């Protein structure tokens, strides 16, 4: 049942859709960084280093845990569907032998494991968003302080506006890339 129904959706939407999404986000990130590099080269390098580092750290630390939870969810969901189908196939024997509590308990345990893994996966998926947003604010503050000290007020304001505009668009793209990976 799993192979015929859900796996087809996952293979088409999950693989092909995520591949196309990753390509489009990578192109957008490259264009934004190239444009920022044309206007303010040093800011482009700092932006790439700051957000690249944050994305790498969150992906390496949280990505592994998220993949483990997703795998656990898949195994538990398949196990619960299997126990349900198995119990329906031998329903008369279960009633005669009085074994319904065994199948009910097994189904309940598998569904509980699947639900917990799903919730943990969703929660872990939110952490990179907050890390990158905090990084955006801190980077903006640092660039503001640096530009105030090294240039005129008008140049400093223009640089911080450009940084916030580019970074405000980079963060969602990085998050979408991380969710695909």
N, C-alpha and C. Protein backbone atom coordinates (compact mmCIF):
# COMPACT_ATOMS: atom_id res chain seq x y z
N UNK A 1 0.84 -1.20 0.00
CA UNK A 1 0.00 0.00 0.00
C UNK A 1 0.87 1.25 0.00
N UNK A 2 1.90 1.25 0.83
CA UNK A 2 2.81 2.40 0.91
C UNK A 2 3.52 2.62 -0.42
N UNK A 3 4.01 1.55 -1.02
CA UNK A 3 4.78 1.66 -2.25
C UNK A 3 3.91 2.17 -3.40
N UNK A 4 2.66 1.79 -3.43
CA UNK A 4 1.79 2.17 -4.54
C UNK A 4 1.24 3.59 -4.37
N UNK A 5 1.01 4.02 -3.15
CA UNK A 5 0.36 5.32 -2.94
C UNK A 5 1.34 6.44 -2.60
N UNK A 6 1.82 6.46 -1.38
CA UNK A 6 2.61 7.58 -0.89
C UNK A 6 3.98 7.71 -1.54
N UNK A 7 4.60 6.59 -1.89
CA UNK A 7 5.95 6.67 -2.44
C UNK A 7 5.97 7.34 -3.81
N UNK A 8 4.90 7.23 -4.58
CA UNK A 8 4.85 7.90 -5.88
C UNK A 8 4.85 9.41 -5.71
N UNK A 9 4.06 9.91 -4.76
CA UNK A 9 4.05 11.35 -4.49
C UNK A 9 5.41 11.83 -4.01
N UNK A 10 6.01 11.08 -3.10
CA UNK A 10 7.30 11.47 -2.56
C UNK A 10 8.36 11.49 -3.65
N UNK A 11 8.33 10.50 -4.51
CA UNK A 11 9.37 10.45 -5.54
C UNK A 11 9.22 11.55 -6.57
N UNK A 12 8.03 11.89 -6.94
CA UNK A 12 7.85 12.93 -7.95
C UNK A 12 7.97 14.32 -7.33
N UNK A 13 7.16 14.58 -6.32
CA UNK A 13 7.15 15.91 -5.72
C UNK A 13 8.39 16.13 -4.87
N UNK A 14 8.73 15.14 -4.05
CA UNK A 14 9.86 15.29 -3.15
C UNK A 14 11.19 15.40 -3.85
N UNK A 15 11.42 14.57 -4.84
CA UNK A 15 12.73 14.55 -5.48
C UNK A 15 12.81 15.59 -6.60
N UNK A 16 11.94 15.50 -7.56
CA UNK A 16 11.99 16.41 -8.71
C UNK A 16 11.68 17.85 -8.30
N UNK A 17 10.65 18.03 -7.50
CA UNK A 17 10.30 19.38 -7.06
C UNK A 17 11.39 20.03 -6.24
N UNK A 18 11.98 19.27 -5.31
CA UNK A 18 13.06 19.81 -4.49
C UNK A 18 14.31 20.09 -5.31
N UNK A 19 14.57 19.27 -6.31
CA UNK A 19 15.72 19.51 -7.18
C UNK A 19 15.56 20.84 -7.93
N UNK A 20 14.39 21.07 -8.50
CA UNK A 20 14.14 22.32 -9.22
C UNK A 20 14.17 23.52 -8.28
N UNK A 21 13.63 23.35 -7.08
CA UNK A 21 13.66 24.43 -6.09
C UNK A 21 15.09 24.77 -5.70
N UNK A 22 15.92 23.75 -5.50
CA UNK A 22 17.32 23.99 -5.14
C UNK A 22 18.06 24.72 -6.24
N UNK A 23 17.83 24.34 -7.48
CA UNK A 23 18.50 25.01 -8.61
C UNK A 23 18.09 26.49 -8.67
N UNK A 24 16.80 26.75 -8.55
CA UNK A 24 16.34 28.15 -8.64
C UNK A 24 16.87 28.98 -7.47
N UNK A 25 16.91 28.42 -6.28
CA UNK A 25 17.43 29.16 -5.12
C UNK A 25 18.94 29.41 -5.24
N UNK A 26 19.67 28.43 -5.75
CA UNK A 26 21.11 28.62 -5.95
C UNK A 26 21.38 29.72 -6.98
N UNK A 27 20.61 29.75 -8.05
CA UNK A 27 20.77 30.80 -9.06
C UNK A 27 20.46 32.17 -8.45
N UNK A 28 19.39 32.24 -7.67
CA UNK A 28 19.03 33.51 -7.03
C UNK A 28 20.12 33.97 -6.06
N UNK A 29 20.64 33.05 -5.24
CA UNK A 29 21.72 33.40 -4.31
C UNK A 29 22.94 33.90 -5.06
N UNK A 30 23.31 33.22 -6.12
CA UNK A 30 24.49 33.63 -6.90
C UNK A 30 24.28 35.01 -7.50
N UNK A 31 23.10 35.27 -8.06
CA UNK A 31 22.83 36.58 -8.65
C UNK A 31 22.89 37.69 -7.59
N UNK A 32 22.29 37.44 -6.45
CA UNK A 32 22.31 38.46 -5.40
C UNK A 32 23.72 38.75 -4.91
N UNK A 33 24.51 37.70 -4.74
CA UNK A 33 25.88 37.91 -4.28
C UNK A 33 26.74 38.58 -5.35
N UNK A 34 26.52 38.26 -6.61
CA UNK A 34 27.26 38.92 -7.70
C UNK A 34 26.89 40.40 -7.76
N UNK A 35 25.60 40.69 -7.67
CA UNK A 35 25.18 42.10 -7.69
C UNK A 35 25.72 42.87 -6.50
N UNK A 36 25.69 42.25 -5.33
CA UNK A 36 26.26 42.90 -4.15
C UNK A 36 27.76 43.08 -4.32
N UNK A 37 28.41 42.10 -4.94
CA UNK A 37 29.85 42.19 -5.19
C UNK A 37 30.20 43.31 -6.14
N UNK A 38 29.33 43.60 -7.07
CA UNK A 38 29.57 44.70 -8.01
C UNK A 38 29.48 46.04 -7.28
N UNK A 39 28.49 46.17 -6.39
CA UNK A 39 28.27 47.44 -5.70
C UNK A 39 29.25 47.60 -4.53
N UNK A 40 29.31 46.58 -3.65
CA UNK A 40 30.18 46.63 -2.47
C UNK A 40 30.89 45.27 -2.34
N UNK A 41 32.06 45.12 -2.95
CA UNK A 41 32.75 43.82 -2.94
C UNK A 41 33.06 43.30 -1.53
N UNK A 42 33.54 44.16 -0.66
CA UNK A 42 33.90 43.69 0.68
C UNK A 42 32.66 43.23 1.45
N UNK A 43 31.55 43.91 1.25
CA UNK A 43 30.31 43.52 1.91
C UNK A 43 29.81 42.18 1.38
N UNK A 44 30.01 41.93 0.08
CA UNK A 44 29.60 40.66 -0.50
C UNK A 44 30.40 39.51 0.11
N UNK A 45 31.69 39.72 0.30
CA UNK A 45 32.53 38.67 0.90
C UNK A 45 32.12 38.43 2.35
N UNK A 46 31.92 39.51 3.11
CA UNK A 46 31.50 39.36 4.50
C UNK A 46 30.12 38.70 4.61
N UNK A 47 29.22 39.06 3.72
CA UNK A 47 27.88 38.47 3.74
C UNK A 47 27.96 36.98 3.42
N UNK A 48 28.75 36.63 2.42
CA UNK A 48 28.92 35.22 2.05
C UNK A 48 29.53 34.44 3.21
N UNK A 49 30.54 35.00 3.85
CA UNK A 49 31.18 34.31 4.97
C UNK A 49 30.23 34.16 6.16
N UNK A 50 29.53 35.24 6.50
CA UNK A 50 28.65 35.20 7.67
C UNK A 50 27.50 34.23 7.48
N UNK A 51 26.76 34.39 6.40
CA UNK A 51 25.59 33.54 6.19
C UNK A 51 25.96 32.14 5.75
N UNK A 52 27.06 32.02 5.03
CA UNK A 52 27.54 30.69 4.66
C UNK A 52 27.94 29.89 5.89
N UNK A 53 28.63 30.55 6.82
CA UNK A 53 29.03 29.88 8.06
C UNK A 53 27.82 29.48 8.89
N UNK A 54 26.88 30.40 9.04
CA UNK A 54 25.68 30.08 9.81
C UNK A 54 24.88 28.94 9.17
N UNK A 55 24.75 28.97 7.87
CA UNK A 55 24.01 27.92 7.17
C UNK A 55 24.72 26.58 7.31
N UNK A 56 26.04 26.58 7.19
CA UNK A 56 26.80 25.33 7.32
C UNK A 56 26.67 24.76 8.73
N UNK A 57 26.81 25.61 9.72
CA UNK A 57 26.74 25.15 11.12
C UNK A 57 25.37 24.58 11.43
N UNK A 58 24.32 25.31 11.05
CA UNK A 58 22.97 24.81 11.35
C UNK A 58 22.66 23.54 10.57
N UNK A 59 23.10 23.47 9.33
CA UNK A 59 22.82 22.28 8.53
C UNK A 59 23.58 21.07 9.05
N UNK A 60 24.84 21.26 9.43
CA UNK A 60 25.63 20.12 9.90
C UNK A 60 25.15 19.63 11.26
N UNK A 61 24.71 20.52 12.10
CA UNK A 61 24.27 20.12 13.44
C UNK A 61 22.82 19.65 13.45
N UNK A 62 21.96 20.41 12.85
CA UNK A 62 20.53 20.13 12.94
C UNK A 62 20.05 19.22 11.81
N UNK A 63 20.69 19.32 10.66
CA UNK A 63 20.28 18.52 9.51
C UNK A 63 20.34 17.03 9.77
N UNK A 64 21.39 16.58 10.46
CA UNK A 64 21.53 15.16 10.77
C UNK A 64 20.40 14.70 11.69
N UNK A 65 20.10 15.48 12.70
CA UNK A 65 19.03 15.11 13.63
C UNK A 65 17.67 15.11 12.92
N UNK A 66 17.47 16.05 12.02
CA UNK A 66 16.21 16.11 11.28
C UNK A 66 16.07 14.89 10.38
N UNK A 67 17.14 14.51 9.70
CA UNK A 67 17.09 13.31 8.85
C UNK A 67 16.79 12.06 9.67
N UNK A 68 17.38 11.97 10.87
CA UNK A 68 17.10 10.83 11.74
C UNK A 68 15.63 10.79 12.14
N UNK A 69 15.08 11.94 12.48
CA UNK A 69 13.67 11.99 12.88
C UNK A 69 12.74 11.66 11.70
N UNK A 70 13.10 12.15 10.52
CA UNK A 70 12.29 11.84 9.33
C UNK A 70 12.34 10.35 9.01
N UNK A 71 13.50 9.74 9.17
CA UNK A 71 13.62 8.30 8.94
C UNK A 71 12.80 7.52 9.97
N UNK A 72 12.87 7.95 11.21
CA UNK A 72 12.09 7.32 12.27
C UNK A 72 10.59 7.46 11.99
N UNK A 73 10.18 8.63 11.52
CA UNK A 73 8.78 8.85 11.18
C UNK A 73 8.34 7.90 10.06
N UNK A 74 9.16 7.79 9.02
CA UNK A 74 8.81 6.92 7.89
C UNK A 74 8.67 5.48 8.34
N UNK A 75 9.63 5.00 9.11
CA UNK A 75 9.58 3.61 9.58
C UNK A 75 8.35 3.37 10.45
N UNK A 76 8.07 4.30 11.34
CA UNK A 76 6.92 4.13 12.24
C UNK A 76 5.60 4.22 11.48
N UNK A 77 5.52 5.12 10.51
CA UNK A 77 4.29 5.25 9.73
C UNK A 77 4.04 3.99 8.91
N UNK A 78 5.08 3.46 8.30
CA UNK A 78 4.92 2.22 7.52
C UNK A 78 4.57 1.06 8.44
N UNK A 79 5.20 0.99 9.62
CA UNK A 79 4.90 -0.08 10.56
C UNK A 79 3.46 -0.02 11.04
N UNK A 80 2.95 1.18 11.29
CA UNK A 80 1.56 1.29 11.74
C UNK A 80 0.58 0.92 10.63
N UNK A 81 0.88 1.32 9.40
CA UNK A 81 0.01 0.93 8.28
C UNK A 81 0.06 -0.57 8.06
N UNK A 82 1.23 -1.14 8.21
CA UNK A 82 1.38 -2.59 8.04
C UNK A 82 0.60 -3.35 9.11
N UNK A 83 0.70 -2.91 10.36
CA UNK A 83 -0.03 -3.60 11.43
C UNK A 83 -1.54 -3.44 11.24
N UNK A 84 -1.97 -2.30 10.73
CA UNK A 84 -3.39 -2.11 10.48
C UNK A 84 -3.88 -3.04 9.37
N UNK A 85 -3.13 -3.11 8.28
CA UNK A 85 -3.52 -3.98 7.17
C UNK A 85 -3.48 -5.45 7.61
N UNK A 86 -2.44 -5.82 8.35
CA UNK A 86 -2.33 -7.19 8.83
C UNK A 86 -3.49 -7.56 9.74
N UNK A 87 -3.86 -6.66 10.62
CA UNK A 87 -4.96 -6.96 11.55
C UNK A 87 -6.30 -7.06 10.82
N UNK A 88 -6.48 -6.28 9.79
CA UNK A 88 -7.73 -6.36 9.03
C UNK A 88 -7.81 -7.66 8.23
N UNK A 89 -6.66 -8.16 7.80
CA UNK A 89 -6.66 -9.41 7.02
C UNK A 89 -7.03 -10.62 7.88
N UNK A 90 -6.68 -10.58 9.14
CA UNK A 90 -6.96 -11.72 10.02
C UNK A 90 -7.90 -11.33 11.15
N UNK A 91 -8.85 -10.48 10.85
CA UNK A 91 -9.76 -9.95 11.87
C UNK A 91 -10.55 -11.05 12.57
N UNK A 92 -11.05 -12.01 11.81
CA UNK A 92 -11.85 -13.07 12.45
C UNK A 92 -10.98 -13.90 13.41
N UNK A 93 -9.74 -14.21 13.05
CA UNK A 93 -8.86 -14.95 13.94
C UNK A 93 -8.53 -14.15 15.20
N UNK A 94 -8.34 -12.86 15.04
CA UNK A 94 -8.04 -12.00 16.19
C UNK A 94 -9.19 -12.02 17.18
N UNK A 95 -10.40 -11.93 16.68
CA UNK A 95 -11.58 -11.94 17.57
C UNK A 95 -11.72 -13.29 18.26
N UNK A 96 -11.52 -14.36 17.52
CA UNK A 96 -11.67 -15.70 18.10
C UNK A 96 -10.62 -15.94 19.19
N UNK A 97 -9.38 -15.53 18.93
CA UNK A 97 -8.30 -15.76 19.89
C UNK A 97 -8.22 -14.68 20.98
N UNK A 98 -8.99 -13.61 20.82
CA UNK A 98 -8.96 -12.53 21.81
C UNK A 98 -7.66 -11.75 21.83
N UNK A 99 -7.05 -11.54 20.68
CA UNK A 99 -5.76 -10.87 20.57
C UNK A 99 -5.89 -9.42 20.07
N UNK A 100 -7.06 -8.87 20.14
CA UNK A 100 -7.25 -7.51 19.60
C UNK A 100 -6.41 -6.48 20.35
N UNK A 101 -6.21 -6.66 21.65
CA UNK A 101 -5.43 -5.67 22.41
C UNK A 101 -3.98 -5.64 21.92
N UNK A 102 -3.43 -6.78 21.50
CA UNK A 102 -2.07 -6.81 20.98
C UNK A 102 -1.94 -5.91 19.75
N UNK A 103 -2.86 -6.04 18.80
CA UNK A 103 -2.79 -5.25 17.57
C UNK A 103 -3.09 -3.78 17.83
N UNK A 104 -4.02 -3.54 18.73
CA UNK A 104 -4.35 -2.14 19.06
C UNK A 104 -3.15 -1.46 19.72
N UNK A 105 -2.51 -2.17 20.65
CA UNK A 105 -1.33 -1.61 21.33
C UNK A 105 -0.19 -1.37 20.35
N UNK A 106 0.05 -2.34 19.46
CA UNK A 106 1.13 -2.19 18.47
C UNK A 106 0.85 -1.01 17.55
N UNK A 107 -0.36 -0.89 17.07
CA UNK A 107 -0.72 0.23 16.21
C UNK A 107 -0.55 1.55 16.96
N UNK A 108 -1.01 1.60 18.21
CA UNK A 108 -0.89 2.82 19.02
C UNK A 108 0.56 3.22 19.27
N UNK A 109 1.42 2.24 19.57
CA UNK A 109 2.84 2.54 19.79
C UNK A 109 3.48 3.08 18.51
N UNK A 110 3.20 2.43 17.38
CA UNK A 110 3.79 2.88 16.12
C UNK A 110 3.31 4.28 15.75
N UNK A 111 2.04 4.57 15.95
CA UNK A 111 1.51 5.91 15.63
C UNK A 111 2.09 6.96 16.58
N UNK A 112 2.27 6.58 17.86
CA UNK A 112 2.86 7.53 18.82
C UNK A 112 4.31 7.84 18.44
N UNK A 113 5.06 6.81 18.06
CA UNK A 113 6.44 7.04 17.61
C UNK A 113 6.48 7.93 16.37
N UNK A 114 5.58 7.67 15.43
CA UNK A 114 5.53 8.49 14.22
C UNK A 114 5.18 9.94 14.54
N UNK A 115 4.21 10.13 15.43
CA UNK A 115 3.80 11.49 15.79
C UNK A 115 4.93 12.24 16.49
N UNK A 116 5.61 11.58 17.42
CA UNK A 116 6.72 12.23 18.13
C UNK A 116 7.85 12.58 17.18
N UNK A 117 8.19 11.67 16.29
CA UNK A 117 9.26 11.94 15.32
C UNK A 117 8.88 13.09 14.40
N UNK A 118 7.61 13.14 13.99
CA UNK A 118 7.15 14.22 13.11
C UNK A 118 7.22 15.57 13.82
N UNK A 119 6.78 15.61 15.05
CA UNK A 119 6.80 16.87 15.81
C UNK A 119 8.24 17.34 16.04
N UNK A 120 9.13 16.42 16.39
CA UNK A 120 10.53 16.79 16.60
C UNK A 120 11.16 17.28 15.30
N UNK A 121 10.82 16.66 14.19
CA UNK A 121 11.35 17.08 12.89
C UNK A 121 10.87 18.49 12.54
N UNK A 122 9.62 18.77 12.78
CA UNK A 122 9.08 20.11 12.51
C UNK A 122 9.75 21.14 13.42
N UNK A 123 9.92 20.80 14.69
CA UNK A 123 10.55 21.72 15.63
C UNK A 123 11.99 22.00 15.23
N UNK A 124 12.75 20.94 14.89
CA UNK A 124 14.13 21.12 14.47
C UNK A 124 14.24 21.94 13.19
N UNK A 125 13.25 21.83 12.33
CA UNK A 125 13.25 22.59 11.09
C UNK A 125 13.10 24.09 11.29
N UNK A 126 12.61 24.50 12.46
CA UNK A 126 12.42 25.93 12.75
C UNK A 126 13.69 26.58 13.31
N UNK A 127 14.59 25.80 13.86
CA UNK A 127 15.78 26.35 14.52
C UNK A 127 16.66 27.16 13.56
N UNK A 128 16.95 26.65 12.34
CA UNK A 128 17.80 27.45 11.44
C UNK A 128 17.22 28.82 11.11
N UNK A 129 15.91 28.92 11.07
CA UNK A 129 15.27 30.21 10.78
C UNK A 129 15.66 31.24 11.83
N UNK A 130 15.59 30.85 13.09
CA UNK A 130 15.91 31.80 14.15
C UNK A 130 17.40 32.10 14.22
N UNK A 131 18.22 31.11 13.95
CA UNK A 131 19.66 31.32 13.94
C UNK A 131 20.04 32.32 12.84
N UNK A 132 19.49 32.13 11.65
CA UNK A 132 19.80 33.04 10.54
C UNK A 132 19.23 34.44 10.76
N UNK A 133 18.06 34.52 11.37
CA UNK A 133 17.49 35.85 11.65
C UNK A 133 18.30 36.60 12.70
N UNK A 134 18.76 35.89 13.71
CA UNK A 134 19.63 36.53 14.70
C UNK A 134 20.93 36.95 14.03
N UNK A 135 21.47 36.10 13.15
CA UNK A 135 22.67 36.44 12.41
C UNK A 135 22.47 37.66 11.54
N UNK A 136 21.29 37.78 10.93
CA UNK A 136 20.98 38.96 10.10
C UNK A 136 21.00 40.23 10.94
N UNK A 137 20.37 40.19 12.09
CA UNK A 137 20.33 41.38 12.95
C UNK A 137 21.73 41.74 13.44
N UNK A 138 22.48 40.74 13.92
CA UNK A 138 23.83 41.02 14.42
C UNK A 138 24.75 41.51 13.31
N UNK A 139 24.64 40.92 12.12
CA UNK A 139 25.45 41.37 10.98
C UNK A 139 25.09 42.80 10.60
N UNK A 140 23.82 43.11 10.62
CA UNK A 140 23.38 44.47 10.31
C UNK A 140 23.94 45.47 11.30
N UNK A 141 23.94 45.11 12.57
CA UNK A 141 24.48 46.00 13.60
C UNK A 141 25.99 46.20 13.39
N UNK A 142 26.70 45.11 13.14
CA UNK A 142 28.14 45.21 12.92
C UNK A 142 28.48 46.04 11.68
N UNK A 143 27.75 45.83 10.61
CA UNK A 143 28.00 46.61 9.40
C UNK A 143 27.65 48.07 9.62
N UNK A 144 26.60 48.34 10.36
CA UNK A 144 26.23 49.71 10.66
C UNK A 144 27.34 50.40 11.45
N UNK A 145 27.86 49.72 12.48
CA UNK A 145 28.94 50.30 13.29
C UNK A 145 30.19 50.52 12.44
N UNK A 146 30.54 49.53 11.62
CA UNK A 146 31.73 49.64 10.77
C UNK A 146 31.58 50.76 9.75
N UNK A 147 30.43 50.85 9.10
CA UNK A 147 30.26 51.88 8.07
C UNK A 147 30.18 53.29 8.69
N UNK A 148 29.64 53.39 9.89
CA UNK A 148 29.60 54.69 10.56
C UNK A 148 31.02 55.17 10.87
N UNK A 149 31.90 54.24 11.19
CA UNK A 149 33.26 54.62 11.56
C UNK A 149 34.14 54.89 10.34
N UNK A 150 33.82 54.30 9.19
CA UNK A 150 34.73 54.39 8.05
C UNK A 150 34.21 55.27 6.91
N UNK A 151 32.99 55.72 6.94
CA UNK A 151 32.47 56.52 5.82
C UNK A 151 31.52 57.59 6.33
N UNK A 152 31.04 58.40 5.39
CA UNK A 152 30.11 59.46 5.75
C UNK A 152 28.75 58.86 6.10
N UNK A 153 27.91 59.68 6.69
CA UNK A 153 26.59 59.21 7.13
C UNK A 153 25.74 58.75 5.94
N UNK A 154 25.80 59.48 4.84
CA UNK A 154 25.02 59.11 3.65
C UNK A 154 25.49 57.78 3.08
N UNK A 155 26.81 57.61 2.98
CA UNK A 155 27.35 56.33 2.47
C UNK A 155 27.01 55.18 3.42
N UNK A 156 27.09 55.44 4.72
CA UNK A 156 26.79 54.40 5.71
C UNK A 156 25.34 53.95 5.60
N UNK A 157 24.44 54.90 5.45
CA UNK A 157 23.03 54.56 5.33
C UNK A 157 22.78 53.79 4.04
N UNK A 158 23.39 54.23 2.95
CA UNK A 158 23.18 53.50 1.69
C UNK A 158 23.74 52.08 1.77
N UNK A 159 24.87 51.90 2.41
CA UNK A 159 25.44 50.56 2.54
C UNK A 159 24.58 49.65 3.42
N UNK A 160 24.08 50.18 4.52
CA UNK A 160 23.25 49.35 5.40
C UNK A 160 21.92 49.01 4.73
N UNK A 161 21.39 49.94 3.95
CA UNK A 161 20.14 49.66 3.23
C UNK A 161 20.36 48.56 2.19
N UNK A 162 21.45 48.66 1.45
CA UNK A 162 21.77 47.63 0.46
C UNK A 162 21.99 46.28 1.15
N UNK A 163 22.73 46.28 2.25
CA UNK A 163 22.97 45.03 2.97
C UNK A 163 21.67 44.41 3.47
N UNK A 164 20.81 45.21 4.07
CA UNK A 164 19.55 44.68 4.59
C UNK A 164 18.63 44.19 3.47
N UNK A 165 18.63 44.88 2.35
CA UNK A 165 17.81 44.44 1.23
C UNK A 165 18.29 43.09 0.69
N UNK A 166 19.60 42.99 0.48
CA UNK A 166 20.15 41.73 -0.04
C UNK A 166 20.03 40.62 0.99
N UNK A 167 20.39 40.90 2.22
CA UNK A 167 20.35 39.88 3.27
C UNK A 167 18.92 39.44 3.58
N UNK A 168 18.01 40.38 3.51
CA UNK A 168 16.60 40.04 3.73
C UNK A 168 16.07 39.08 2.68
N UNK A 169 16.68 39.08 1.52
CA UNK A 169 16.30 38.13 0.46
C UNK A 169 17.14 36.86 0.51
N UNK A 170 18.37 36.96 1.00
CA UNK A 170 19.25 35.79 1.11
C UNK A 170 18.75 34.80 2.15
N UNK A 171 18.31 35.29 3.29
CA UNK A 171 17.92 34.41 4.40
C UNK A 171 16.79 33.45 3.99
N UNK A 172 15.70 33.92 3.38
CA UNK A 172 14.68 32.95 2.96
C UNK A 172 15.18 31.93 1.94
N UNK A 173 16.06 32.36 1.04
CA UNK A 173 16.61 31.42 0.06
C UNK A 173 17.48 30.36 0.73
N UNK A 174 18.27 30.77 1.68
CA UNK A 174 19.11 29.82 2.41
C UNK A 174 18.23 28.83 3.17
N UNK A 175 17.16 29.33 3.79
CA UNK A 175 16.25 28.45 4.53
C UNK A 175 15.57 27.44 3.61
N UNK A 176 15.16 27.87 2.43
CA UNK A 176 14.55 26.93 1.49
C UNK A 176 15.56 25.89 1.02
N UNK A 177 16.79 26.32 0.80
CA UNK A 177 17.84 25.36 0.41
C UNK A 177 18.10 24.34 1.53
N UNK A 178 18.10 24.81 2.77
CA UNK A 178 18.32 23.90 3.87
C UNK A 178 17.17 22.92 4.03
N UNK A 179 15.98 23.36 3.77
CA UNK A 179 14.84 22.44 3.90
C UNK A 179 14.84 21.38 2.81
N UNK A 180 15.44 21.70 1.67
CA UNK A 180 15.53 20.74 0.57
C UNK A 180 16.61 19.70 0.86
N UNK A 181 17.71 20.16 1.48
CA UNK A 181 18.86 19.25 1.70
C UNK A 181 18.59 18.21 2.74
